[in-house]
N, C-alpha and C. Protein backbone atom coordinates (compact mmCIF):
# COMPACT_ATOMS: atom_id res chain seq x y z
N VAL A 1 -10.29 -0.98 66.00
CA VAL A 1 -10.93 -2.33 66.22
C VAL A 1 -11.35 -2.45 67.71
N SER A 2 -12.53 -2.64 67.84
CA SER A 2 -13.15 -2.85 69.16
C SER A 2 -12.49 -3.96 69.99
N ASN A 3 -12.39 -3.77 71.32
CA ASN A 3 -11.78 -4.74 72.06
C ASN A 3 -12.60 -6.06 72.06
N CYS A 4 -13.75 -5.97 71.77
CA CYS A 4 -14.58 -7.22 71.66
C CYS A 4 -14.31 -8.09 70.46
N TYR A 5 -13.52 -7.60 69.57
CA TYR A 5 -13.21 -8.26 68.31
C TYR A 5 -11.87 -8.62 68.06
N VAL A 6 -11.08 -8.76 69.18
CA VAL A 6 -9.61 -9.09 68.96
C VAL A 6 -9.18 -10.43 69.26
N PHE A 7 -10.12 -11.19 69.87
CA PHE A 7 -9.75 -12.52 70.41
C PHE A 7 -9.29 -13.50 69.34
N LYS A 8 -9.92 -13.55 68.19
CA LYS A 8 -9.60 -14.50 67.10
C LYS A 8 -8.21 -14.12 66.66
N SER A 9 -7.97 -12.89 66.51
CA SER A 9 -6.53 -12.37 66.00
C SER A 9 -5.45 -12.86 67.11
N ARG A 10 -5.81 -12.61 68.22
CA ARG A 10 -4.82 -12.98 69.35
C ARG A 10 -4.65 -14.47 69.35
N LEU A 11 -5.68 -15.33 69.25
CA LEU A 11 -5.53 -16.69 69.22
C LEU A 11 -4.69 -17.22 68.09
N GLN A 12 -5.00 -16.56 66.83
CA GLN A 12 -4.14 -16.85 65.66
C GLN A 12 -2.70 -16.57 65.81
N GLU A 13 -2.40 -15.53 66.45
CA GLU A 13 -1.01 -15.03 66.69
C GLU A 13 -0.35 -16.03 67.63
N TYR A 14 -1.09 -16.50 68.67
CA TYR A 14 -0.63 -17.40 69.56
C TYR A 14 -0.18 -18.76 68.86
N ALA A 15 -1.14 -19.14 67.96
CA ALA A 15 -0.91 -20.40 67.23
C ALA A 15 0.47 -20.23 66.43
N GLN A 16 0.44 -19.15 65.71
CA GLN A 16 1.73 -18.93 64.86
C GLN A 16 2.91 -18.94 65.57
N LYS A 17 3.07 -18.08 66.76
CA LYS A 17 4.18 -18.00 67.53
C LYS A 17 4.57 -19.37 68.30
N ALA A 18 3.50 -20.18 68.69
CA ALA A 18 3.70 -21.41 69.31
C ALA A 18 4.04 -22.58 68.33
N GLY A 19 3.94 -22.32 67.01
CA GLY A 19 4.32 -23.28 66.10
C GLY A 19 3.31 -24.41 66.00
N ILE A 20 1.99 -24.16 66.33
CA ILE A 20 0.96 -25.11 66.29
C ILE A 20 -0.02 -24.85 64.98
N SER A 21 -0.88 -25.72 64.73
CA SER A 21 -1.81 -25.47 63.63
C SER A 21 -2.70 -24.41 63.77
N THR A 22 -3.17 -23.89 62.72
CA THR A 22 -4.16 -22.69 62.84
C THR A 22 -5.45 -23.19 63.51
N PRO A 23 -6.04 -22.26 64.44
CA PRO A 23 -7.31 -22.70 65.06
C PRO A 23 -8.35 -22.87 64.03
N VAL A 24 -9.15 -24.04 64.26
CA VAL A 24 -10.31 -24.15 63.37
C VAL A 24 -11.59 -24.02 64.14
N TYR A 25 -12.41 -23.33 63.51
CA TYR A 25 -13.69 -22.97 64.07
C TYR A 25 -14.83 -23.83 63.48
N GLU A 26 -15.81 -24.29 64.40
CA GLU A 26 -16.98 -25.01 63.92
C GLU A 26 -18.13 -24.19 64.57
N THR A 27 -19.02 -23.65 63.71
CA THR A 27 -20.08 -22.83 64.19
C THR A 27 -21.51 -23.48 63.80
N VAL A 28 -22.27 -23.43 64.80
CA VAL A 28 -23.61 -24.24 64.51
C VAL A 28 -24.78 -23.02 64.67
N LYS A 29 -25.67 -23.07 63.73
CA LYS A 29 -26.81 -22.10 63.70
C LYS A 29 -27.93 -22.94 64.25
N GLU A 30 -28.63 -22.43 65.26
CA GLU A 30 -29.84 -23.15 65.75
C GLU A 30 -31.01 -22.12 65.92
N GLY A 31 -32.19 -22.72 66.08
CA GLY A 31 -33.37 -21.84 66.18
C GLY A 31 -33.97 -21.66 64.83
N PRO A 32 -35.11 -21.02 64.90
CA PRO A 32 -35.83 -20.58 63.67
C PRO A 32 -35.08 -19.76 62.68
N SER A 33 -35.31 -19.82 61.40
CA SER A 33 -34.50 -19.09 60.41
C SER A 33 -34.85 -17.61 60.63
N HIS A 34 -35.84 -17.11 61.09
CA HIS A 34 -36.12 -15.64 61.31
C HIS A 34 -35.48 -15.28 62.58
N GLU A 35 -34.98 -16.17 63.45
CA GLU A 35 -34.32 -15.73 64.60
C GLU A 35 -33.19 -16.74 65.04
N PRO A 36 -32.28 -16.81 64.29
CA PRO A 36 -31.21 -17.78 64.61
C PRO A 36 -30.38 -17.41 65.65
N VAL A 37 -29.76 -18.41 66.40
CA VAL A 37 -28.70 -18.11 67.43
C VAL A 37 -27.56 -19.02 67.06
N PHE A 38 -26.32 -18.60 67.38
CA PHE A 38 -25.08 -19.34 67.04
C PHE A 38 -24.33 -19.66 68.25
N ARG A 39 -23.68 -20.83 68.14
CA ARG A 39 -22.57 -21.17 69.06
C ARG A 39 -21.38 -21.76 68.30
N SER A 40 -20.19 -21.54 68.86
CA SER A 40 -19.04 -22.01 68.18
C SER A 40 -18.16 -22.81 68.96
N THR A 41 -17.28 -23.65 68.32
CA THR A 41 -16.34 -24.30 69.08
C THR A 41 -14.97 -24.03 68.28
N VAL A 42 -13.83 -23.77 69.01
CA VAL A 42 -12.55 -23.64 68.38
C VAL A 42 -11.66 -24.87 68.76
N LEU A 43 -10.91 -25.47 67.78
CA LEU A 43 -10.01 -26.34 68.09
C LEU A 43 -8.60 -25.85 67.94
N VAL A 44 -7.83 -25.90 69.18
CA VAL A 44 -6.52 -25.47 69.25
C VAL A 44 -5.68 -26.44 69.78
N ASN A 45 -4.73 -26.84 68.92
CA ASN A 45 -3.71 -27.91 69.43
C ASN A 45 -4.34 -29.16 69.96
N GLY A 46 -5.45 -29.46 69.29
CA GLY A 46 -6.16 -30.83 69.72
C GLY A 46 -7.06 -30.58 70.83
N VAL A 47 -7.38 -29.40 71.33
CA VAL A 47 -8.24 -29.15 72.45
C VAL A 47 -9.36 -28.20 71.92
N ARG A 48 -10.60 -28.65 72.29
CA ARG A 48 -11.83 -28.05 71.81
C ARG A 48 -12.28 -27.04 72.90
N TYR A 49 -12.60 -25.68 72.55
CA TYR A 49 -13.03 -24.74 73.49
C TYR A 49 -14.44 -24.29 72.86
N ASP A 50 -15.43 -24.36 73.74
CA ASP A 50 -16.72 -23.90 73.45
C ASP A 50 -17.14 -22.46 73.68
N SER A 51 -17.72 -21.80 72.87
CA SER A 51 -18.20 -20.51 73.03
C SER A 51 -19.36 -20.36 74.16
N LEU A 52 -19.68 -19.29 74.68
CA LEU A 52 -20.94 -19.15 75.46
C LEU A 52 -22.04 -19.29 74.45
N PRO A 53 -23.31 -19.62 74.99
CA PRO A 53 -24.34 -19.79 74.04
C PRO A 53 -25.09 -18.48 73.64
N GLY A 54 -25.88 -18.63 72.61
CA GLY A 54 -26.88 -17.59 72.29
C GLY A 54 -26.44 -16.27 71.59
N PHE A 55 -25.54 -16.48 70.64
CA PHE A 55 -25.03 -15.30 69.87
C PHE A 55 -25.96 -15.06 68.62
N PHE A 56 -26.11 -13.89 68.16
CA PHE A 56 -26.99 -13.54 67.10
C PHE A 56 -26.31 -13.51 65.86
N ASN A 57 -24.99 -13.73 65.83
CA ASN A 57 -24.30 -13.97 64.54
C ASN A 57 -23.04 -14.73 64.74
N ARG A 58 -22.58 -15.37 63.60
CA ARG A 58 -21.51 -16.21 63.58
C ARG A 58 -20.16 -15.72 64.18
N LYS A 59 -19.85 -14.40 63.75
CA LYS A 59 -18.63 -13.84 64.11
C LYS A 59 -18.51 -13.60 65.65
N ALA A 60 -19.64 -13.19 66.35
CA ALA A 60 -19.67 -13.03 67.63
C ALA A 60 -19.45 -14.40 68.47
N ALA A 61 -20.10 -15.44 67.99
CA ALA A 61 -19.90 -16.86 68.46
C ALA A 61 -18.47 -17.27 68.40
N GLU A 62 -17.80 -17.04 67.31
CA GLU A 62 -16.47 -17.33 67.08
C GLU A 62 -15.50 -16.58 67.97
N GLN A 63 -15.72 -15.36 68.08
CA GLN A 63 -14.93 -14.45 69.06
C GLN A 63 -15.11 -15.02 70.56
N SER A 64 -16.29 -15.45 70.87
CA SER A 64 -16.52 -15.89 72.19
C SER A 64 -15.64 -17.24 72.31
N ALA A 65 -15.72 -18.17 71.38
CA ALA A 65 -14.90 -19.29 71.51
C ALA A 65 -13.48 -19.05 71.56
N ALA A 66 -12.99 -18.11 70.87
CA ALA A 66 -11.47 -17.71 70.97
C ALA A 66 -11.22 -17.11 72.27
N GLU A 67 -12.14 -16.26 72.85
CA GLU A 67 -11.83 -15.71 74.16
C GLU A 67 -11.78 -16.84 75.24
N VAL A 68 -12.66 -17.75 75.10
CA VAL A 68 -12.64 -18.95 76.05
C VAL A 68 -11.37 -19.68 75.97
N ALA A 69 -10.91 -19.97 74.73
CA ALA A 69 -9.59 -20.61 74.58
C ALA A 69 -8.49 -19.81 75.12
N LEU A 70 -8.44 -18.49 74.90
CA LEU A 70 -7.27 -17.67 75.40
C LEU A 70 -7.32 -17.60 76.92
N LEU A 71 -8.48 -17.54 77.52
CA LEU A 71 -8.56 -17.46 78.97
C LEU A 71 -8.14 -18.84 79.63
N GLU A 72 -8.43 -20.01 78.97
CA GLU A 72 -8.02 -21.21 79.31
C GLU A 72 -6.39 -21.39 79.19
N LEU A 73 -5.94 -20.94 77.96
CA LEU A 73 -4.47 -20.95 77.79
C LEU A 73 -3.73 -20.00 78.67
N MET A 74 -4.31 -18.97 79.18
CA MET A 74 -3.68 -18.02 80.10
C MET A 74 -3.54 -18.82 81.51
N LYS A 75 -4.53 -19.51 81.85
CA LYS A 75 -4.56 -20.18 83.21
C LYS A 75 -3.37 -21.22 83.14
N SER A 76 -3.16 -21.88 82.06
CA SER A 76 -2.00 -22.85 81.94
C SER A 76 -0.67 -22.20 81.74
N GLY A 77 -0.61 -20.90 81.64
CA GLY A 77 0.58 -20.05 81.41
C GLY A 77 1.07 -20.21 79.97
N ASN A 78 0.41 -20.74 79.00
CA ASN A 78 0.93 -20.81 77.58
C ASN A 78 0.85 -19.52 76.80
N VAL A 79 -0.18 -18.68 77.10
CA VAL A 79 -0.38 -17.50 76.29
C VAL A 79 0.71 -16.51 76.58
N ALA A 80 1.01 -16.35 77.85
CA ALA A 80 1.96 -15.30 78.30
C ALA A 80 3.32 -15.42 77.64
N GLN A 81 3.66 -16.66 77.23
CA GLN A 81 5.02 -16.90 76.43
C GLN A 81 4.99 -16.38 75.19
N CYS A 82 3.78 -16.22 74.49
CA CYS A 82 3.69 -15.88 73.08
C CYS A 82 3.18 -14.55 72.77
N ILE A 83 2.22 -14.09 73.49
CA ILE A 83 1.43 -12.87 73.16
C ILE A 83 1.17 -12.15 74.57
N PRO A 84 0.86 -10.85 74.37
CA PRO A 84 0.38 -10.17 75.56
C PRO A 84 -0.98 -10.70 76.03
N ASN A 85 -1.28 -10.47 77.26
CA ASN A 85 -2.66 -10.91 77.83
C ASN A 85 -3.72 -10.33 77.01
N PRO A 86 -4.86 -11.00 76.84
CA PRO A 86 -6.01 -10.55 76.11
C PRO A 86 -6.52 -9.30 76.84
N VAL A 87 -7.24 -8.40 76.17
CA VAL A 87 -7.77 -7.25 76.75
C VAL A 87 -9.10 -7.61 77.49
């Protein structure tokens, strides 16, 4: 598995070990149908984390949102208690 696609798995693992609800993703497709771009938001324990803008597929946008969430959770010290630091 590429390091670019482990963030959702790590966030899921964090939620399970922390005993909180499963992360919920909301993904929006924007732009023309022949050239859509995606952005995503993940809800973790009542907090929303937004992806970076401009992804060309849903999966990449969701991975970005999960990465943002993990980075913010690391800053607060919550992730280190449950899972290794993200790659």
